[in-house]
Amino acid sequence: MRQLNKPEAYQVWEEKDGWLNLGGEQWVKYNPAYIRFEKQESVNPIVGKRVGSKVDNLRFYDTPSWQDSAVAGTVDSGEGFTIDEKVSVNGSPQFKVHNSKGRTYYMTASEAFVYVK
């Protein structure tokens, strides 16, 4: 448990049952007497949704790349990440994503290999 200090500002990834998710498993109780929460409508409706793999051994990357040297690991069918944004890498779409620990990765956005929910 930790205390947030007055000048600190955070991006809120999710609002649920009076709690604000600051990334990963970090949650803070929303009390308007102490916290100013400015909701901004997402420009992209996929932001914050989950992308899951339709196949086993789908590669994900440390950087926006398709190169073998950038491969961070693989996910199996049903596994995935939370979407931060959609990007174009050499003309092909990737999702910039993060895992439950807040670590950023990139993976294909091709509907042949992934689904969004």
Foldseek 3Di string as FASTA:
>chain_A
DDDDDDVDDADFLDADPQWTHRAQPDIDRDDPVRDDDDDDDDPDPQASWKKFWQAWFFWKFLDLDPDPVGTPGGHGGPDTFGFHAWDARPNFIWTFGAHSRGRTIIGHPDPVTMDID
